[in-house]
Amino acid sequence: MDKKHYYNCLARVPGADGNVNAKWAVVKKTLPFKELGDAVKFACDLYGEEYEPGSDTVIVDPSMCQERAVIMCPEVQRLRDAVDVLIKKNDEELHRKAEQRDSLKLVSIKEEVEKELLSESIHELIGKSSGLHEVWQMLNQRQYELWECSRYAGKG
C-alpha cells in the first residue's frame, strides 16, 4: 500500500471532517471499524489505487457503524466457533499420531521409515495448528472490535 495514497484517503473521508483519528467508520456501507485508519487501510488494500479519496467507500457514521456491528457479531462468533472445532480435530489427530509414533519399537527398517513419516506428519499438523490459532486470534480480535462498535452510545 502506498503511504501517500493512504494518508490522502485518510484525510478526505466523508464525516471525519479532516480528523484522521476519527472513530466509527464504515466501508462500503457494510463493514464497521472502530478506527478510521483501519477502515481506510482495508479500503486501500482492497481497492488499491482505484480507491478514490472522498468517495463514499469509507465514511464516518457512528449509528451505521453500530447497526452493522450488531449484525456482524453473530457471524464472526460462528466463524470463531468453526475454527474452534477445526483446532480440536487437529489436536486430536496430532495426539493420535504422536502416540502412534511413540509406540513404535524401531526393530526394523520399515518401523524406522514409518516413524519418520509420522514425525513429518506431526510437524505438518503443528504448523496447521499454529495457523488455526492465528486465525482464531484474528477472529477474536475482530469480534471484540465489533462488540465495541455495537456498544457505541453517542460518544466519539
N, C-alpha and C. Protein backbone atom coordinates (compact mmCIF):
# COMPACT_ATOMS: atom_id res chain seq x y z
N MET A 1 0.84 -1.18 0.00
CA MET A 1 0.00 0.00 0.00
C MET A 1 0.89 1.24 0.00
N ASP A 2 0.54 2.17 -0.85
CA ASP A 2 1.26 3.43 -0.97
C ASP A 2 0.85 4.34 0.20
N LYS A 3 1.83 4.74 1.02
CA LYS A 3 1.53 5.55 2.20
C LYS A 3 0.94 6.91 1.84
N LYS A 4 1.43 7.50 0.75
CA LYS A 4 0.91 8.80 0.33
C LYS A 4 -0.56 8.69 -0.01
N HIS A 5 -0.91 7.65 -0.75
CA HIS A 5 -2.31 7.42 -1.12
C HIS A 5 -3.15 7.17 0.15
N TYR A 6 -2.62 6.38 1.07
CA TYR A 6 -3.31 6.08 2.33
C TYR A 6 -3.62 7.36 3.10
N TYR A 7 -2.61 8.21 3.29
CA TYR A 7 -2.82 9.43 4.07
C TYR A 7 -3.73 10.43 3.33
N ASN A 8 -3.65 10.45 2.02
CA ASN A 8 -4.55 11.29 1.24
C ASN A 8 -5.99 10.82 1.42
N CYS A 9 -6.19 9.52 1.39
CA CYS A 9 -7.53 8.96 1.59
C CYS A 9 -8.01 9.21 3.02
N LEU A 10 -7.14 9.03 3.96
CA LEU A 10 -7.48 9.19 5.38
C LEU A 10 -7.97 10.60 5.67
N ALA A 11 -7.34 11.58 5.05
CA ALA A 11 -7.67 12.98 5.33
C ALA A 11 -8.97 13.43 4.66
N ARG A 12 -9.48 12.66 3.71
CA ARG A 12 -10.64 13.11 2.94
C ARG A 12 -11.87 12.20 3.10
N VAL A 13 -11.97 11.51 4.23
CA VAL A 13 -13.11 10.61 4.45
C VAL A 13 -14.35 11.43 4.84
N PRO A 14 -15.46 11.20 4.14
CA PRO A 14 -16.69 11.92 4.50
C PRO A 14 -17.12 11.62 5.94
N GLY A 15 -17.46 12.66 6.65
CA GLY A 15 -17.92 12.52 8.03
C GLY A 15 -16.82 12.68 9.05
N ALA A 16 -15.56 12.58 8.62
CA ALA A 16 -14.45 12.70 9.57
C ALA A 16 -14.03 14.15 9.76
N ASP A 17 -14.42 15.02 8.83
CA ASP A 17 -14.07 16.44 8.90
C ASP A 17 -12.57 16.66 9.09
N GLY A 18 -11.77 15.86 8.38
CA GLY A 18 -10.32 16.00 8.42
C GLY A 18 -9.67 15.39 9.65
N ASN A 19 -10.43 14.83 10.56
CA ASN A 19 -9.89 14.21 11.77
C ASN A 19 -9.42 12.80 11.44
N VAL A 20 -8.10 12.62 11.33
CA VAL A 20 -7.56 11.31 10.96
C VAL A 20 -7.67 10.31 12.11
N ASN A 21 -8.01 10.77 13.30
CA ASN A 21 -8.17 9.88 14.46
C ASN A 21 -9.64 9.58 14.74
N ALA A 22 -10.51 9.85 13.77
CA ALA A 22 -11.94 9.62 13.95
C ALA A 22 -12.22 8.14 14.21
N LYS A 23 -13.35 7.89 14.81
CA LYS A 23 -13.77 6.52 15.11
C LYS A 23 -15.11 6.24 14.45
N TRP A 24 -15.51 4.98 14.47
CA TRP A 24 -16.81 4.51 13.99
C TRP A 24 -16.98 4.68 12.48
N ALA A 25 -16.05 4.11 11.72
CA ALA A 25 -16.09 4.19 10.25
C ALA A 25 -16.75 2.94 9.67
N VAL A 26 -17.27 3.11 8.46
CA VAL A 26 -17.93 2.01 7.75
C VAL A 26 -17.39 1.97 6.32
N VAL A 27 -17.02 0.78 5.84
CA VAL A 27 -16.53 0.59 4.48
C VAL A 27 -17.67 0.02 3.64
N LYS A 28 -17.92 0.67 2.50
CA LYS A 28 -18.96 0.25 1.55
C LYS A 28 -20.32 0.06 2.24
N LYS A 29 -20.57 0.84 3.23
CA LYS A 29 -21.84 0.85 3.98
C LYS A 29 -22.18 -0.51 4.58
N THR A 30 -21.15 -1.37 4.75
CA THR A 30 -21.42 -2.69 5.31
C THR A 30 -20.44 -3.11 6.41
N LEU A 31 -19.16 -2.79 6.27
CA LEU A 31 -18.15 -3.29 7.20
C LEU A 31 -17.78 -2.23 8.24
N PRO A 32 -18.14 -2.47 9.50
CA PRO A 32 -17.84 -1.49 10.54
C PRO A 32 -16.41 -1.62 11.08
N PHE A 33 -15.81 -0.48 11.40
CA PHE A 33 -14.48 -0.44 12.01
C PHE A 33 -14.51 0.60 13.12
N LYS A 34 -13.88 0.28 14.23
CA LYS A 34 -13.81 1.23 15.34
C LYS A 34 -12.91 2.41 14.97
N GLU A 35 -11.80 2.13 14.32
CA GLU A 35 -10.82 3.17 13.98
C GLU A 35 -10.88 3.49 12.50
N LEU A 36 -10.91 4.78 12.18
CA LEU A 36 -10.93 5.23 10.79
C LEU A 36 -9.71 4.71 10.03
N GLY A 37 -8.55 4.74 10.66
CA GLY A 37 -7.33 4.27 10.00
C GLY A 37 -7.42 2.83 9.54
N ASP A 38 -8.05 1.98 10.35
CA ASP A 38 -8.22 0.57 9.97
C ASP A 38 -9.16 0.44 8.77
N ALA A 39 -10.21 1.26 8.76
CA ALA A 39 -11.17 1.21 7.64
C ALA A 39 -10.50 1.66 6.34
N VAL A 40 -9.72 2.74 6.40
CA VAL A 40 -9.05 3.24 5.20
C VAL A 40 -7.98 2.25 4.74
N LYS A 41 -7.26 1.66 5.66
CA LYS A 41 -6.25 0.65 5.30
C LYS A 41 -6.93 -0.52 4.59
N PHE A 42 -8.07 -0.97 5.12
CA PHE A 42 -8.81 -2.06 4.49
C PHE A 42 -9.22 -1.66 3.07
N ALA A 43 -9.77 -0.46 2.91
CA ALA A 43 -10.21 0.00 1.59
C ALA A 43 -9.03 0.12 0.63
N CYS A 44 -7.91 0.65 1.10
CA CYS A 44 -6.72 0.78 0.24
C CYS A 44 -6.18 -0.59 -0.17
N ASP A 45 -6.18 -1.53 0.78
CA ASP A 45 -5.72 -2.89 0.46
C ASP A 45 -6.67 -3.57 -0.53
N LEU A 46 -7.96 -3.33 -0.35
CA LEU A 46 -8.96 -3.97 -1.19
C LEU A 46 -9.00 -3.38 -2.60
N TYR A 47 -8.98 -2.06 -2.70
CA TYR A 47 -9.14 -1.38 -3.98
C TYR A 47 -7.85 -0.82 -4.56
N GLY A 48 -6.81 -0.71 -3.75
CA GLY A 48 -5.53 -0.17 -4.21
C GLY A 48 -5.67 1.27 -4.67
N GLU A 49 -5.03 1.60 -5.78
CA GLU A 49 -5.06 2.97 -6.30
C GLU A 49 -6.44 3.35 -6.84
N GLU A 50 -7.31 2.36 -7.03
CA GLU A 50 -8.65 2.66 -7.52
C GLU A 50 -9.52 3.30 -6.45
N TYR A 51 -9.12 3.15 -5.18
CA TYR A 51 -9.90 3.75 -4.10
C TYR A 51 -9.77 5.26 -4.20
N GLU A 52 -10.90 5.91 -4.42
CA GLU A 52 -10.93 7.35 -4.63
C GLU A 52 -11.17 8.07 -3.31
N PRO A 53 -10.20 8.88 -2.86
CA PRO A 53 -10.40 9.65 -1.63
C PRO A 53 -11.61 10.57 -1.75
N GLY A 54 -12.38 10.62 -0.69
CA GLY A 54 -13.54 11.48 -0.70
C GLY A 54 -14.80 10.80 -1.21
N SER A 55 -14.66 9.59 -1.75
CA SER A 55 -15.85 8.86 -2.20
C SER A 55 -16.55 8.30 -0.97
N ASP A 56 -17.69 7.69 -1.17
CA ASP A 56 -18.39 7.12 -0.03
C ASP A 56 -17.97 5.68 0.26
N THR A 57 -16.82 5.27 -0.25
CA THR A 57 -16.31 3.94 0.05
C THR A 57 -16.09 3.79 1.55
N VAL A 58 -15.49 4.80 2.16
CA VAL A 58 -15.32 4.83 3.61
C VAL A 58 -16.00 6.09 4.12
N ILE A 59 -16.86 5.92 5.10
CA ILE A 59 -17.50 7.07 5.72
C ILE A 59 -17.44 6.92 7.24
N VAL A 60 -17.50 8.02 7.93
CA VAL A 60 -17.60 8.00 9.39
C VAL A 60 -19.07 8.24 9.72
N ASP A 61 -19.72 7.22 10.25
CA ASP A 61 -21.12 7.30 10.61
C ASP A 61 -21.35 6.38 11.82
N PRO A 62 -21.29 6.96 13.02
CA PRO A 62 -21.39 6.14 14.24
C PRO A 62 -22.64 5.26 14.32
N SER A 63 -23.79 5.77 13.96
CA SER A 63 -25.00 4.96 14.08
C SER A 63 -25.00 3.80 13.08
N MET A 64 -24.54 4.05 11.84
CA MET A 64 -24.45 2.98 10.85
C MET A 64 -23.42 1.93 11.30
N CYS A 65 -22.32 2.40 11.85
CA CYS A 65 -21.28 1.51 12.35
C CYS A 65 -21.86 0.58 13.43
N GLN A 66 -22.62 1.16 14.33
CA GLN A 66 -23.23 0.36 15.40
C GLN A 66 -24.20 -0.67 14.83
N GLU A 67 -25.06 -0.25 13.91
CA GLU A 67 -26.02 -1.17 13.29
C GLU A 67 -25.32 -2.34 12.62
N ARG A 68 -24.30 -2.05 11.83
CA ARG A 68 -23.59 -3.11 11.10
C ARG A 68 -22.85 -4.04 12.05
N ALA A 69 -22.29 -3.48 13.12
CA ALA A 69 -21.57 -4.31 14.09
C ALA A 69 -22.51 -5.29 14.78
N VAL A 70 -23.70 -4.84 15.13
CA VAL A 70 -24.69 -5.72 15.77
C VAL A 70 -25.03 -6.87 14.83
N ILE A 71 -25.13 -6.60 13.55
CA ILE A 71 -25.46 -7.64 12.57
C ILE A 71 -24.29 -8.62 12.39
N MET A 72 -23.06 -8.11 12.40
CA MET A 72 -21.89 -8.95 12.10
C MET A 72 -21.40 -9.77 13.29
N CYS A 73 -21.66 -9.34 14.52
CA CYS A 73 -21.14 -10.05 15.70
C CYS A 73 -21.46 -11.55 15.70
N PRO A 74 -22.72 -11.95 15.47
CA PRO A 74 -23.02 -13.38 15.48
C PRO A 74 -22.29 -14.17 14.39
N GLU A 75 -22.09 -13.56 13.23
CA GLU A 75 -21.40 -14.25 12.14
C GLU A 75 -19.93 -14.48 12.49
N VAL A 76 -19.29 -13.49 13.07
CA VAL A 76 -17.89 -13.66 13.47
C VAL A 76 -17.80 -14.70 14.58
N GLN A 77 -18.76 -14.72 15.50
CA GLN A 77 -18.79 -15.74 16.55
C GLN A 77 -18.94 -17.13 15.93
N ARG A 78 -19.80 -17.27 14.93
CA ARG A 78 -19.99 -18.56 14.26
C ARG A 78 -18.69 -19.02 13.60
N LEU A 79 -18.00 -18.10 12.95
CA LEU A 79 -16.72 -18.44 12.32
C LEU A 79 -15.68 -18.85 13.36
N ARG A 80 -15.64 -18.11 14.47
CA ARG A 80 -14.69 -18.44 15.53
C ARG A 80 -15.00 -19.82 16.11
N ASP A 81 -16.28 -20.14 16.28
CA ASP A 81 -16.67 -21.46 16.78
C ASP A 81 -16.26 -22.56 15.80
N ALA A 82 -16.40 -22.29 14.49
CA ALA A 82 -15.99 -23.27 13.48
C ALA A 82 -14.48 -23.51 13.53
N VAL A 83 -13.72 -22.46 13.75
CA VAL A 83 -12.26 -22.62 13.88
C VAL A 83 -11.93 -23.38 15.16
N ASP A 84 -12.69 -23.17 16.22
CA ASP A 84 -12.51 -23.95 17.46
C ASP A 84 -12.64 -25.45 17.18
N VAL A 85 -13.64 -25.81 16.38
CA VAL A 85 -13.86 -27.22 16.04
C VAL A 85 -12.67 -27.75 15.24
N LEU A 86 -12.19 -26.97 14.28
CA LEU A 86 -11.03 -27.40 13.48
C LEU A 86 -9.79 -27.56 14.35
N ILE A 87 -9.60 -26.67 15.30
CA ILE A 87 -8.45 -26.76 16.21
C ILE A 87 -8.55 -28.04 17.03
N LYS A 88 -9.74 -28.33 17.54
CA LYS A 88 -9.92 -29.54 18.34
C LYS A 88 -9.64 -30.80 17.52
N LYS A 89 -10.17 -30.87 16.29
CA LYS A 89 -9.92 -32.03 15.43
C LYS A 89 -8.44 -32.18 15.11
N ASN A 90 -7.79 -31.06 14.82
CA ASN A 90 -6.36 -31.08 14.51
C ASN A 90 -5.55 -31.58 15.71
N ASP A 91 -5.91 -31.08 16.91
CA ASP A 91 -5.19 -31.50 18.12
C ASP A 91 -5.38 -32.99 18.40
N GLU A 92 -6.60 -33.50 18.17
CA GLU A 92 -6.86 -34.93 18.36
C GLU A 92 -6.01 -35.76 17.40
N GLU A 93 -5.94 -35.33 16.15
CA GLU A 93 -5.12 -36.03 15.15
C GLU A 93 -3.64 -35.97 15.53
N LEU A 94 -3.22 -34.81 16.01
CA LEU A 94 -1.82 -34.64 16.43
C LEU A 94 -1.48 -35.59 17.57
N HIS A 95 -2.34 -35.67 18.57
CA HIS A 95 -2.08 -36.56 19.71
C HIS A 95 -2.11 -38.03 19.28
N ARG A 96 -3.02 -38.38 18.39
CA ARG A 96 -3.12 -39.76 17.91
C ARG A 96 -1.84 -40.17 17.18
N LYS A 97 -1.36 -39.29 16.31
CA LYS A 97 -0.14 -39.61 15.55
C LYS A 97 1.09 -39.64 16.46
N ALA A 98 1.13 -38.76 17.45
CA ALA A 98 2.27 -38.76 18.38
C ALA A 98 2.29 -40.05 19.20
N GLU A 99 1.13 -40.51 19.64
CA GLU A 99 1.06 -41.79 20.37
C GLU A 99 1.48 -42.94 19.48
N GLN A 100 1.02 -42.92 18.24
CA GLN A 100 1.36 -43.97 17.28
C GLN A 100 2.87 -43.98 17.04
N ARG A 101 3.46 -42.80 16.86
CA ARG A 101 4.90 -42.70 16.63
C ARG A 101 5.68 -43.19 17.84
N ASP A 102 5.24 -42.79 19.03
CA ASP A 102 5.96 -43.15 20.25
C ASP A 102 5.83 -44.63 20.61
N SER A 103 4.82 -45.30 20.07
CA SER A 103 4.64 -46.72 20.37
C SER A 103 5.50 -47.63 19.50
N LEU A 104 6.11 -47.09 18.45
CA LEU A 104 6.95 -47.90 17.57
C LEU A 104 8.23 -48.32 18.27
N LYS A 105 8.67 -49.57 18.04
CA LYS A 105 9.84 -50.14 18.71
C LYS A 105 11.14 -49.95 17.94
N LEU A 106 11.08 -49.65 16.68
CA LEU A 106 12.25 -49.45 15.82
C LEU A 106 13.16 -50.67 15.74
N VAL A 107 12.56 -51.83 15.47
CA VAL A 107 13.35 -53.04 15.31
C VAL A 107 13.58 -53.38 13.84
N SER A 108 12.91 -52.65 12.98
CA SER A 108 13.10 -52.92 11.55
C SER A 108 13.17 -51.60 10.79
N ILE A 109 13.67 -51.70 9.57
CA ILE A 109 13.77 -50.52 8.71
C ILE A 109 12.37 -49.97 8.42
N LYS A 110 11.41 -50.87 8.26
CA LYS A 110 10.03 -50.45 8.00
C LYS A 110 9.51 -49.56 9.12
N GLU A 111 9.75 -49.94 10.36
CA GLU A 111 9.29 -49.13 11.50
C GLU A 111 10.03 -47.80 11.59
N GLU A 112 11.30 -47.79 11.22
CA GLU A 112 12.06 -46.53 11.22
C GLU A 112 11.49 -45.57 10.18
N VAL A 113 11.18 -46.10 8.99
CA VAL A 113 10.59 -45.27 7.94
C VAL A 113 9.20 -44.78 8.38
N GLU A 114 8.42 -45.67 8.98
CA GLU A 114 7.09 -45.30 9.45
C GLU A 114 7.18 -44.20 10.52
N LYS A 115 8.16 -44.33 11.41
CA LYS A 115 8.34 -43.31 12.45
C LYS A 115 8.74 -41.97 11.83
N GLU A 116 9.59 -42.01 10.82
CA GLU A 116 10.00 -40.77 10.13
C GLU A 116 8.80 -40.12 9.44
N LEU A 117 7.97 -40.93 8.78
CA LEU A 117 6.78 -40.39 8.12
C LEU A 117 5.80 -39.80 9.12
N LEU A 118 5.62 -40.48 10.26
CA LEU A 118 4.74 -39.95 11.30
C LEU A 118 5.29 -38.64 11.87
N SER A 119 6.61 -38.55 12.01
CA SER A 119 7.23 -37.32 12.52
C SER A 119 6.98 -36.15 11.56
N GLU A 120 7.11 -36.42 10.26
CA GLU A 120 6.84 -35.38 9.27
C GLU A 120 5.38 -34.94 9.33
N SER A 121 4.48 -35.91 9.46
CA SER A 121 3.05 -35.61 9.55
C SER A 121 2.76 -34.79 10.81
N ILE A 122 3.42 -35.11 11.90
CA ILE A 122 3.25 -34.37 13.15
C ILE A 122 3.70 -32.93 12.98
N HIS A 123 4.82 -32.73 12.31
CA HIS A 123 5.31 -31.36 12.07
C HIS A 123 4.32 -30.56 11.22
N GLU A 124 3.73 -31.21 10.22
CA GLU A 124 2.71 -30.55 9.39
C GLU A 124 1.50 -30.17 10.23
N LEU A 125 1.08 -31.08 11.12
CA LEU A 125 -0.08 -30.80 11.97
C LEU A 125 0.21 -29.67 12.96
N ILE A 126 1.45 -29.59 13.42
CA ILE A 126 1.84 -28.49 14.32
C ILE A 126 1.75 -27.16 13.58
N GLY A 127 2.21 -27.13 12.33
CA GLY A 127 2.10 -25.92 11.52
C GLY A 127 0.66 -25.54 11.27
N LYS A 128 -0.18 -26.53 10.97
CA LYS A 128 -1.60 -26.28 10.75
C LYS A 128 -2.24 -25.74 12.03
N SER A 129 -1.87 -26.30 13.15
CA SER A 129 -2.41 -25.85 14.43
C SER A 129 -2.03 -24.40 14.71
N SER A 130 -0.80 -24.07 14.41
CA SER A 130 -0.33 -22.69 14.60
C SER A 130 -1.14 -21.73 13.74
N GLY A 131 -1.36 -22.10 12.48
CA GLY A 131 -2.15 -21.26 11.58
C GLY A 131 -3.59 -21.11 12.05
N LEU A 132 -4.19 -22.20 12.50
CA LEU A 132 -5.56 -22.15 13.00
C LEU A 132 -5.67 -21.25 14.24
N HIS A 133 -4.66 -21.32 15.10
CA HIS A 133 -4.68 -20.46 16.29
C HIS A 133 -4.54 -18.99 15.90
N GLU A 134 -3.74 -18.70 14.88
CA GLU A 134 -3.63 -17.31 14.41
C GLU A 134 -4.96 -16.81 13.85
N VAL A 135 -5.65 -17.66 13.09
CA VAL A 135 -6.96 -17.29 12.55
C VAL A 135 -7.94 -17.05 13.69
N TRP A 136 -7.94 -17.95 14.68
CA TRP A 136 -8.82 -17.79 15.82
C TRP A 136 -8.55 -16.47 16.54
N GLN A 137 -7.29 -16.13 16.71
CA GLN A 137 -6.93 -14.88 17.39
C GLN A 137 -7.41 -13.67 16.60
N MET A 138 -7.26 -13.69 15.27
CA MET A 138 -7.75 -12.58 14.45
C MET A 138 -9.27 -12.46 14.56
N LEU A 139 -9.97 -13.59 14.52
CA LEU A 139 -11.43 -13.55 14.66
C LEU A 139 -11.83 -13.05 16.04
N ASN A 140 -11.10 -13.44 17.05
CA ASN A 140 -11.39 -12.99 18.40
C ASN A 140 -11.20 -11.47 18.51
N GLN A 141 -10.12 -10.96 17.94
CA GLN A 141 -9.88 -9.52 17.97
C GLN A 141 -10.96 -8.78 17.19
N ARG A 142 -11.36 -9.32 16.04
CA ARG A 142 -12.41 -8.68 15.24
C ARG A 142 -13.74 -8.70 15.98
N GLN A 143 -14.02 -9.81 16.65
CA GLN A 143 -15.26 -9.90 17.41
C GLN A 143 -15.28 -8.86 18.53
N TYR A 144 -14.15 -8.67 19.19
CA TYR A 144 -14.09 -7.66 20.25
C TYR A 144 -14.29 -6.26 19.68
N GLU A 145 -13.67 -5.98 18.53
CA GLU A 145 -13.84 -4.68 17.90
C GLU A 145 -15.31 -4.46 17.52
N LEU A 146 -15.95 -5.48 16.98
CA LEU A 146 -17.37 -5.36 16.64
C LEU A 146 -18.22 -5.16 17.89
N TRP A 147 -17.87 -5.85 18.95
CA TRP A 147 -18.59 -5.67 20.21
C TRP A 147 -18.47 -4.22 20.67
N GLU A 148 -17.25 -3.66 20.58
CA GLU A 148 -17.07 -2.25 20.96
C GLU A 148 -17.92 -1.34 20.08
N CYS A 149 -17.93 -1.60 18.77
CA CYS A 149 -18.73 -0.79 17.84
C CYS A 149 -20.22 -0.92 18.17
N SER A 150 -20.65 -2.11 18.53
CA SER A 150 -22.07 -2.32 18.81
C SER A 150 -22.51 -1.65 20.10
N ARG A 151 -21.57 -1.30 20.95
CA ARG A 151 -21.87 -0.65 22.22
C ARG A 151 -21.77 0.86 22.14
N TYR A 152 -21.53 1.39 20.95
CA TYR A 152 -21.41 2.83 20.76
C TYR A 152 -22.65 3.52 21.36
N ALA A 153 -22.39 4.54 22.17
CA ALA A 153 -23.51 5.22 22.84
C ALA A 153 -23.48 6.72 22.55
N GLY A 154 -23.05 7.11 21.37
CA GLY A 154 -23.07 8.52 21.02
C GLY A 154 -21.82 9.29 21.45
N LYS A 155 -20.79 8.58 21.85
CA LYS A 155 -19.54 9.23 22.28
C LYS A 155 -18.44 8.87 21.30
N GLY A 156 -17.61 9.83 20.92
CA GLY A 156 -16.54 9.59 19.97
C GLY A 156 -15.39 8.92 20.56
